[in-house]
PDB file of N, CA and C in Angstrom:
ATOM      1  N   GLY A   1     -23.263   1.340   5.441  1.00  0.00           N
ATOM      2  CA  GLY A   1     -22.844   2.055   6.618  1.00  0.00           C
ATOM      3  C   GLY A   1     -21.932   1.206   7.474  1.00  0.00           C
ATOM      4  N   VAL A   2     -21.469   1.803   8.502  1.00  0.00           N
ATOM      5  CA  VAL A   2     -20.549   1.159   9.431  1.00  0.00           C
ATOM      6  C   VAL A   2     -21.343   0.444  10.518  1.00  0.00           C
ATOM      7  N   VAL A   3     -20.960  -0.777  10.816  1.00  0.00           N
ATOM      8  CA  VAL A   3     -21.573  -1.535  11.900  1.00  0.00           C
ATOM      9  C   VAL A   3     -20.663  -1.399  13.113  1.00  0.00           C
ATOM     10  N   SER A   4     -21.202  -0.896  14.204  1.00  0.00           N
ATOM     11  CA  SER A   4     -20.396  -0.672  15.404  1.00  0.00           C
ATOM     12  C   SER A   4     -19.931  -1.997  16.005  1.00  0.00           C
ATOM     13  N   VAL A   5     -18.881  -1.925  16.797  1.00  0.00           N
ATOM     14  CA  VAL A   5     -18.358  -3.118  17.459  1.00  0.00           C
ATOM     15  C   VAL A   5     -19.418  -3.751  18.367  1.00  0.00           C
ATOM     16  N   PRO A   6     -20.124  -2.978  19.192  1.00  0.00           N
ATOM     17  CA  PRO A   6     -21.180  -3.611  19.999  1.00  0.00           C
ATOM     18  C   PRO A   6     -22.252  -4.297  19.146  1.00  0.00           C
ATOM     19  N   GLN A   7     -22.608  -3.717  18.010  1.00  0.00           N
ATOM     20  CA  GLN A   7     -23.600  -4.339  17.130  1.00  0.00           C
ATOM     21  C   GLN A   7     -23.047  -5.636  16.538  1.00  0.00           C
ATOM     22  N   GLN A   8     -21.765  -5.641  16.171  1.00  0.00           N
ATOM     23  CA  GLN A   8     -21.144  -6.862  15.658  1.00  0.00           C
ATOM     24  C   GLN A   8     -21.183  -7.965  16.712  1.00  0.00           C
ATOM     25  N   LEU A   9     -20.931  -7.595  17.959  1.00  0.00           N
ATOM     26  CA  LEU A   9     -20.984  -8.566  19.052  1.00  0.00           C
ATOM     27  C   LEU A   9     -22.405  -9.102  19.225  1.00  0.00           C
ATOM     28  N   ASP A  10     -23.396  -8.235  19.123  1.00  0.00           N
ATOM     29  CA  ASP A  10     -24.793  -8.681  19.190  1.00  0.00           C
ATOM     30  C   ASP A  10     -25.112  -9.653  18.057  1.00  0.00           C
ATOM     31  N   TYR A  11     -24.613  -9.370  16.859  1.00  0.00           N
ATOM     32  CA  TYR A  11     -24.822 -10.281  15.726  1.00  0.00           C
ATOM     33  C   TYR A  11     -24.202 -11.652  16.012  1.00  0.00           C
ATOM     34  N   MET A  12     -23.007 -11.646  16.620  1.00  0.00           N
ATOM     35  CA  MET A  12     -22.336 -12.908  16.940  1.00  0.00           C
ATOM     36  C   MET A  12     -23.168 -13.700  17.946  1.00  0.00           C
ATOM     37  N   LYS A  13     -23.689 -13.022  18.953  1.00  0.00           N
ATOM     38  CA  LYS A  13     -24.529 -13.696  19.954  1.00  0.00           C
ATOM     39  C   LYS A  13     -25.771 -14.297  19.301  1.00  0.00           C
ATOM     40  N   GLU A  14     -26.365 -13.573  18.365  1.00  0.00           N
ATOM     41  CA  GLU A  14     -27.532 -14.088  17.639  1.00  0.00           C
ATOM     42  C   GLU A  14     -27.166 -15.343  16.850  1.00  0.00           C
ATOM     43  N   CYS A  15     -26.009 -15.326  16.211  1.00  0.00           N
ATOM     44  CA  CYS A  15     -25.565 -16.492  15.433  1.00  0.00           C
ATOM     45  C   CYS A  15     -25.356 -17.703  16.330  1.00  0.00           C
ATOM     46  N   VAL A  16     -24.761 -17.486  17.492  1.00  0.00           N
ATOM     47  CA  VAL A  16     -24.532 -18.587  18.428  1.00  0.00           C
ATOM     48  C   VAL A  16     -25.869 -19.165  18.893  1.00  0.00           C
ATOM     49  N   THR A  17     -26.810 -18.304  19.201  1.00  0.00           N
ATOM     50  CA  THR A  17     -28.138 -18.769  19.618  1.00  0.00           C
ATOM     51  C   THR A  17     -28.800 -19.587  18.513  1.00  0.00           C
ATOM     52  N   LYS A  18     -28.720 -19.125  17.287  1.00  0.00           N
ATOM     53  CA  LYS A  18     -29.304 -19.866  16.157  1.00  0.00           C
ATOM     54  C   LYS A  18     -28.616 -21.218  15.981  1.00  0.00           C
ATOM     55  N   MET A  19     -27.288 -21.238  16.157  1.00  0.00           N
ATOM     56  CA  MET A  19     -26.547 -22.488  16.032  1.00  0.00           C
ATOM     57  C   MET A  19     -26.958 -23.453  17.149  1.00  0.00           C
ATOM     58  N   GLU A  20     -27.099 -22.949  18.371  1.00  0.00           N
ATOM     59  CA  GLU A  20     -27.543 -23.794  19.486  1.00  0.00           C
ATOM     60  C   GLU A  20     -28.919 -24.380  19.209  1.00  0.00           C
ATOM     61  N   ASN A  21     -29.807 -23.580  18.652  1.00  0.00           N
ATOM     62  CA  ASN A  21     -31.150 -24.062  18.317  1.00  0.00           C
ATOM     63  C   ASN A  21     -31.114 -25.109  17.213  1.00  0.00           C
ATOM     64  N   ALA A  22     -30.155 -24.986  16.309  1.00  0.00           N
ATOM     65  CA  ALA A  22     -30.076 -25.908  15.173  1.00  0.00           C
ATOM     66  C   ALA A  22     -29.416 -27.237  15.539  1.00  0.00           C
ATOM     67  N   VAL A  23     -28.344 -27.188  16.346  1.00  0.00           N
ATOM     68  CA  VAL A  23     -27.574 -28.415  16.599  1.00  0.00           C
ATOM     69  C   VAL A  23     -27.514 -28.804  18.072  1.00  0.00           C
ATOM     70  N   GLY A  24     -28.064 -27.985  18.942  1.00  0.00           N
ATOM     71  CA  GLY A  24     -28.002 -28.249  20.379  1.00  0.00           C
ATOM     72  C   GLY A  24     -26.829 -27.524  21.025  1.00  0.00           C
ATOM     73  N   LYS A  25     -26.965 -27.307  22.330  1.00  0.00           N
ATOM     74  CA  LYS A  25     -25.947 -26.525  23.045  1.00  0.00           C
ATOM     75  C   LYS A  25     -24.592 -27.220  23.072  1.00  0.00           C
ATOM     76  N   ALA A  26     -24.575 -28.526  23.291  1.00  0.00           N
ATOM     77  CA  ALA A  26     -23.301 -29.249  23.384  1.00  0.00           C
ATOM     78  C   ALA A  26     -22.551 -29.204  22.053  1.00  0.00           C
ATOM     79  N   ALA A  27     -23.256 -29.477  20.970  1.00  0.00           N
ATOM     80  CA  ALA A  27     -22.614 -29.446  19.653  1.00  0.00           C
ATOM     81  C   ALA A  27     -22.174 -28.032  19.300  1.00  0.00           C
ATOM     82  N   ALA A  28     -22.995 -27.049  19.634  1.00  0.00           N
ATOM     83  CA  ALA A  28     -22.628 -25.656  19.360  1.00  0.00           C
ATOM     84  C   ALA A  28     -21.390 -25.264  20.152  1.00  0.00           C
ATOM     85  N   ALA A  29     -21.322 -25.703  21.410  1.00  0.00           N
ATOM     86  CA  ALA A  29     -20.143 -25.404  22.232  1.00  0.00           C
ATOM     87  C   ALA A  29     -18.893 -26.027  21.619  1.00  0.00           C
ATOM     88  N   LYS A  30     -19.012 -27.239  21.096  1.00  0.00           N
ATOM     89  CA  LYS A  30     -17.874 -27.916  20.456  1.00  0.00           C
ATOM     90  C   LYS A  30     -17.462 -27.175  19.190  1.00  0.00           C
ATOM     91  N   ILE A  31     -18.429 -26.756  18.403  1.00  0.00           N
ATOM     92  CA  ILE A  31     -18.126 -25.992  17.186  1.00  0.00           C
ATOM     93  C   ILE A  31     -17.386 -24.709  17.545  1.00  0.00           C
ATOM     94  N   MET A  32     -17.867 -24.010  18.563  1.00  0.00           N
ATOM     95  CA  MET A  32     -17.219 -22.761  18.986  1.00  0.00           C
ATOM     96  C   MET A  32     -15.807 -23.027  19.502  1.00  0.00           C
ATOM     97  N   GLU A  33     -15.663 -24.107  20.266  1.00  0.00           N
ATOM     98  CA  GLU A  33     -14.352 -24.460  20.818  1.00  0.00           C
ATOM     99  C   GLU A  33     -13.348 -24.755  19.713  1.00  0.00           C
ATOM    100  N   ASP A  34     -13.801 -25.378  18.642  1.00  0.00           N
ATOM    101  CA  ASP A  34     -12.917 -25.758  17.538  1.00  0.00           C
ATOM    102  C   ASP A  34     -12.751 -24.655  16.490  1.00  0.00           C
ATOM    103  N   SER A  35     -13.411 -23.546  16.692  1.00  0.00           N
ATOM    104  CA  SER A  35     -13.391 -22.460  15.705  1.00  0.00           C
ATOM    105  C   SER A  35     -12.208 -21.523  15.904  1.00  0.00           C
ATOM    106  N   ILE A  36     -11.873 -20.845  14.845  1.00  0.00           N
ATOM    107  CA  ILE A  36     -10.861 -19.788  14.882  1.00  0.00           C
ATOM    108  C   ILE A  36     -11.586 -18.478  14.599  1.00  0.00           C
ATOM    109  N   PHE A  37     -11.334 -17.494  15.434  1.00  0.00           N
ATOM    110  CA  PHE A  37     -11.967 -16.187  15.275  1.00  0.00           C
ATOM    111  C   PHE A  37     -10.898 -15.152  14.975  1.00  0.00           C
ATOM    112  N   ILE A  38     -11.161 -14.329  14.014  1.00  0.00           N
ATOM    113  CA  ILE A  38     -10.241 -13.254  13.655  1.00  0.00           C
ATOM    114  C   ILE A  38     -10.915 -11.933  13.993  1.00  0.00           C
ATOM    115  N   VAL A  39     -10.211 -11.133  14.764  1.00  0.00           N
ATOM    116  CA  VAL A  39     -10.699  -9.798  15.101  1.00  0.00           C
ATOM    117  C   VAL A  39      -9.769  -8.818  14.417  1.00  0.00           C
ATOM    118  N   SER A  40     -10.325  -8.033  13.544  1.00  0.00           N
ATOM    119  CA  SER A  40      -9.528  -7.058  12.801  1.00  0.00           C
ATOM    120  C   SER A  40     -10.059  -5.666  13.087  1.00  0.00           C
ATOM    121  N   ALA A  41      -9.192  -4.838  13.593  1.00  0.00           N
ATOM    122  CA  ALA A  41      -9.585  -3.459  13.881  1.00  0.00           C
ATOM    123  C   ALA A  41      -8.350  -2.587  13.786  1.00  0.00           C
ATOM    124  N   GLY A  42      -8.561  -1.365  13.468  1.00  0.00           N
ATOM    125  CA  GLY A  42      -7.440  -0.438  13.512  1.00  0.00           C
ATOM    126  C   GLY A  42      -7.273   0.389  12.266  1.00  0.00           C
ATOM    127  N   THR A  43      -6.839  -0.221  11.177  1.00  0.00           N
ATOM    128  CA  THR A  43      -6.468   0.560  10.003  1.00  0.00           C
ATOM    129  C   THR A  43      -7.615   1.421   9.505  1.00  0.00           C
ATOM    130  N   ASN A  44      -8.718   0.786   9.133  1.00  0.00           N
ATOM    131  CA  ASN A  44      -9.857   1.571   8.650  1.00  0.00           C
ATOM    132  C   ASN A  44     -10.437   2.440   9.747  1.00  0.00           C
ATOM    133  N   ASP A  45     -10.513   1.876  10.962  1.00  0.00           N
ATOM    134  CA  ASP A  45     -11.034   2.656  12.080  1.00  0.00           C
ATOM    135  C   ASP A  45     -10.212   3.924  12.264  1.00  0.00           C
ATOM    136  N   PHE A  46      -8.918   3.764  12.195  1.00  0.00           N
ATOM    137  CA  PHE A  46      -8.041   4.910  12.428  1.00  0.00           C
ATOM    138  C   PHE A  46      -8.127   5.902  11.273  1.00  0.00           C
ATOM    139  N   VAL A  47      -7.916   5.423  10.077  1.00  0.00           N
ATOM    140  CA  VAL A  47      -7.858   6.310   8.911  1.00  0.00           C
ATOM    141  C   VAL A  47      -9.190   7.013   8.677  1.00  0.00           C
ATOM    142  N   ILE A  48     -10.263   6.248   8.638  1.00  0.00           N
ATOM    143  CA  ILE A  48     -11.562   6.845   8.329  1.00  0.00           C
ATOM    144  C   ILE A  48     -12.053   7.720   9.476  1.00  0.00           C
ATOM    145  N   SER A  49     -12.078   7.168  10.675  1.00  0.00           N
ATOM    146  CA  SER A  49     -12.621   7.922  11.804  1.00  0.00           C
ATOM    147  C   SER A  49     -11.784   9.140  12.148  1.00  0.00           C
ATOM    148  N   TYR A  50     -10.486   8.997  12.117  1.00  0.00           N
ATOM    149  CA  TYR A  50      -9.640  10.110  12.543  1.00  0.00           C
ATOM    150  C   TYR A  50      -9.557  11.199  11.481  1.00  0.00           C
ATOM    151  N   HIS A  51      -9.339  10.798  10.250  1.00  0.00           N
ATOM    152  CA  HIS A  51      -9.089  11.791   9.202  1.00  0.00           C
ATOM    153  C   HIS A  51     -10.356  12.368   8.572  1.00  0.00           C
ATOM    154  N   LEU A  52     -11.465  11.660   8.628  1.00  0.00           N
ATOM    155  CA  LEU A  52     -12.682  12.163   7.987  1.00  0.00           C
ATOM    156  C   LEU A  52     -13.673  12.805   8.954  1.00  0.00           C
ATOM    157  N   LEU A  53     -13.493  12.580  10.237  1.00  0.00           N
ATOM    158  CA  LEU A  53     -14.385  13.184  11.230  1.00  0.00           C
ATOM    159  C   LEU A  53     -13.625  14.290  11.960  1.00  0.00           C
ATOM    160  N   PRO A  54     -13.920  15.545  11.647  1.00  0.00           N
ATOM    161  CA  PRO A  54     -13.131  16.671  12.179  1.00  0.00           C
ATOM    162  C   PRO A  54     -13.033  16.706  13.701  1.00  0.00           C
ATOM    163  N   PHE A  55     -14.090  16.292  14.397  1.00  0.00           N
ATOM    164  CA  PHE A  55     -14.040  16.371  15.860  1.00  0.00           C
ATOM    165  C   PHE A  55     -13.012  15.421  16.458  1.00  0.00           C
ATOM    166  N   ARG A  56     -12.662  14.350  15.739  1.00  0.00           N
ATOM    167  CA  ARG A  56     -11.637  13.431  16.254  1.00  0.00           C
ATOM    168  C   ARG A  56     -10.292  14.146  16.376  1.00  0.00           C
ATOM    169  N   LYS A  57      -9.933  14.910  15.355  1.00  0.00           N
ATOM    170  CA  LYS A  57      -8.658  15.637  15.389  1.00  0.00           C
ATOM    171  C   LYS A  57      -8.661  16.706  16.467  1.00  0.00           C
ATOM    172  N   GLN A  58      -9.839  17.228  16.781  1.00  0.00           N
ATOM    173  CA  GLN A  58      -9.936  18.247  17.828  1.00  0.00           C
ATOM    174  C   GLN A  58      -9.860  17.619  19.217  1.00  0.00           C
ATOM    175  N   THR A  59     -10.199  16.353  19.306  1.00  0.00           N
ATOM    176  CA  THR A  59     -10.244  15.662  20.591  1.00  0.00           C
ATOM    177  C   THR A  59      -8.959  14.904  20.903  1.00  0.00           C
ATOM    178  N   PHE A  60      -8.337  14.307  19.873  1.00  0.00           N
ATOM    179  CA  PHE A  60      -7.188  13.424  20.068  1.00  0.00           C
ATOM    180  C   PHE A  60      -6.016  13.815  19.179  1.00  0.00           C
ATOM    181  N   THR A  61      -4.803  13.593  19.677  1.00  0.00           N
ATOM    182  CA  THR A  61      -3.629  13.572  18.804  1.00  0.00           C
ATOM    183  C   THR A  61      -3.645  12.196  18.129  1.00  0.00           C
ATOM    184  N   PRO A  62      -2.852  11.981  17.084  1.00  0.00           N
ATOM    185  CA  PRO A  62      -2.820  10.638  16.479  1.00  0.00           C
ATOM    186  C   PRO A  62      -2.459   9.544  17.496  1.00  0.00           C
ATOM    187  N   GLN A  63      -1.511   9.829  18.367  1.00  0.00           N
ATOM    188  CA  GLN A  63      -1.100   8.838  19.365  1.00  0.00           C
ATOM    189  C   GLN A  63      -2.229   8.568  20.373  1.00  0.00           C
ATOM    190  N   GLU A  64      -2.928   9.607  20.782  1.00  0.00           N
ATOM    191  CA  GLU A  64      -4.044   9.433  21.716  1.00  0.00           C
ATOM    192  C   GLU A  64      -5.185   8.648  21.066  1.00  0.00           C
ATOM    193  N   TYR A  65      -5.416   8.910  19.787  1.00  0.00           N
ATOM    194  CA  TYR A  65      -6.484   8.189  19.101  1.00  0.00           C
ATOM    195  C   TYR A  65      -6.109   6.720  18.921  1.00  0.00           C
ATOM    196  N   GLN A  66      -4.850   6.463  18.657  1.00  0.00           N
ATOM    197  CA  GLN A  66      -4.378   5.088  18.560  1.00  0.00           C
ATOM    198  C   GLN A  66      -4.647   4.362  19.884  1.00  0.00           C
ATOM    199  N   GLN A  67      -4.330   5.005  20.991  1.00  0.00           N
ATOM    200  CA  GLN A  67      -4.570   4.396  22.302  1.00  0.00           C
ATOM    201  C   GLN A  67      -6.066   4.192  22.542  1.00  0.00           C
ATOM    202  N   PHE A  68      -6.875   5.152  22.121  1.00  0.00           N
ATOM    203  CA  PHE A  68      -8.332   5.041  22.243  1.00  0.00           C
ATOM    204  C   PHE A  68      -8.842   3.805  21.499  1.00  0.00           C
ATOM    205  N   ILE A  69      -8.374   3.609  20.270  1.00  0.00           N
ATOM    206  CA  ILE A  69      -8.781   2.445  19.471  1.00  0.00           C
ATOM    207  C   ILE A  69      -8.356   1.155  20.168  1.00  0.00           C
ATOM    208  N   LEU A  70      -7.132   1.115  20.681  1.00  0.00           N
ATOM    209  CA  LEU A  70      -6.652  -0.076  21.389  1.00  0.00           C
ATOM    210  C   LEU A  70      -7.485  -0.359  22.636  1.00  0.00           C
ATOM    211  N   ASP A  71      -7.829   0.688  23.366  1.00  0.00           N
ATOM    212  CA  ASP A  71      -8.661   0.517  24.561  1.00  0.00           C
ATOM    213  C   ASP A  71     -10.032  -0.043  24.197  1.00  0.00           C
ATOM    214  N   GLN A  72     -10.615   0.449  23.108  1.00  0.00           N
ATOM    215  CA  GLN A  72     -11.917  -0.054  22.660  1.00  0.00           C
ATOM    216  C   GLN A  72     -11.821  -1.524  22.260  1.00  0.00           C
ATOM    217  N   LEU A  73     -10.724  -1.903  21.616  1.00  0.00           N
ATOM    218  CA  LEU A  73     -10.520  -3.297  21.219  1.00  0.00           C
ATOM    219  C   LEU A  73     -10.395  -4.188  22.455  1.00  0.00           C
ATOM    220  N   ARG A  74      -9.677  -3.721  23.462  1.00  0.00           N
ATOM    221  CA  ARG A  74      -9.544  -4.502  24.705  1.00  0.00           C
ATOM    222  C   ARG A  74     -10.910  -4.754  25.343  1.00  0.00           C
ATOM    223  N   VAL A  75     -11.734  -3.732  25.387  1.00  0.00           N
ATOM    224  CA  VAL A  75     -13.082  -3.877  25.957  1.00  0.00           C
ATOM    225  C   VAL A  75     -13.877  -4.900  25.148  1.00  0.00           C
ATOM    226  N   PHE A  76     -13.790  -4.809  23.832  1.00  0.00           N
ATOM    227  CA  PHE A  76     -14.512  -5.735  22.963  1.00  0.00           C
ATOM    228  C   PHE A  76     -14.064  -7.173  23.196  1.00  0.00           C
ATOM    229  N   LEU A  77     -12.754  -7.389  23.311  1.00  0.00           N
ATOM    230  CA  LEU A  77     -12.238  -8.746  23.455  1.00  0.00           C
ATOM    231  C   LEU A  77     -12.587  -9.372  24.800  1.00  0.00           C
ATOM    232  N   LYS A  78     -12.786  -8.552  25.813  1.00  0.00           N
ATOM    233  CA  LYS A  78     -13.186  -9.098  27.128  1.00  0.00           C
ATOM    234  C   LYS A  78     -14.585  -9.653  27.027  1.00  0.00           C
TER     235      LYS A  78
END
């Protein structure tokens, strides 16, 4: 199944907590500071959600749905 963006964020928080418990807060902070994070959203979200869920087409034009996805990504990144 699909894991929602908020659930993915919760998983990340759990991982950080486990890392802090394993190596300490200072070391975990350094690991996080030196890490690279990739956030990928859009293609599958757009194609699957828009084209396979009929209510999406009834609610949004393609351009409106694109903006909706971008707005959700902005909220996630904050």
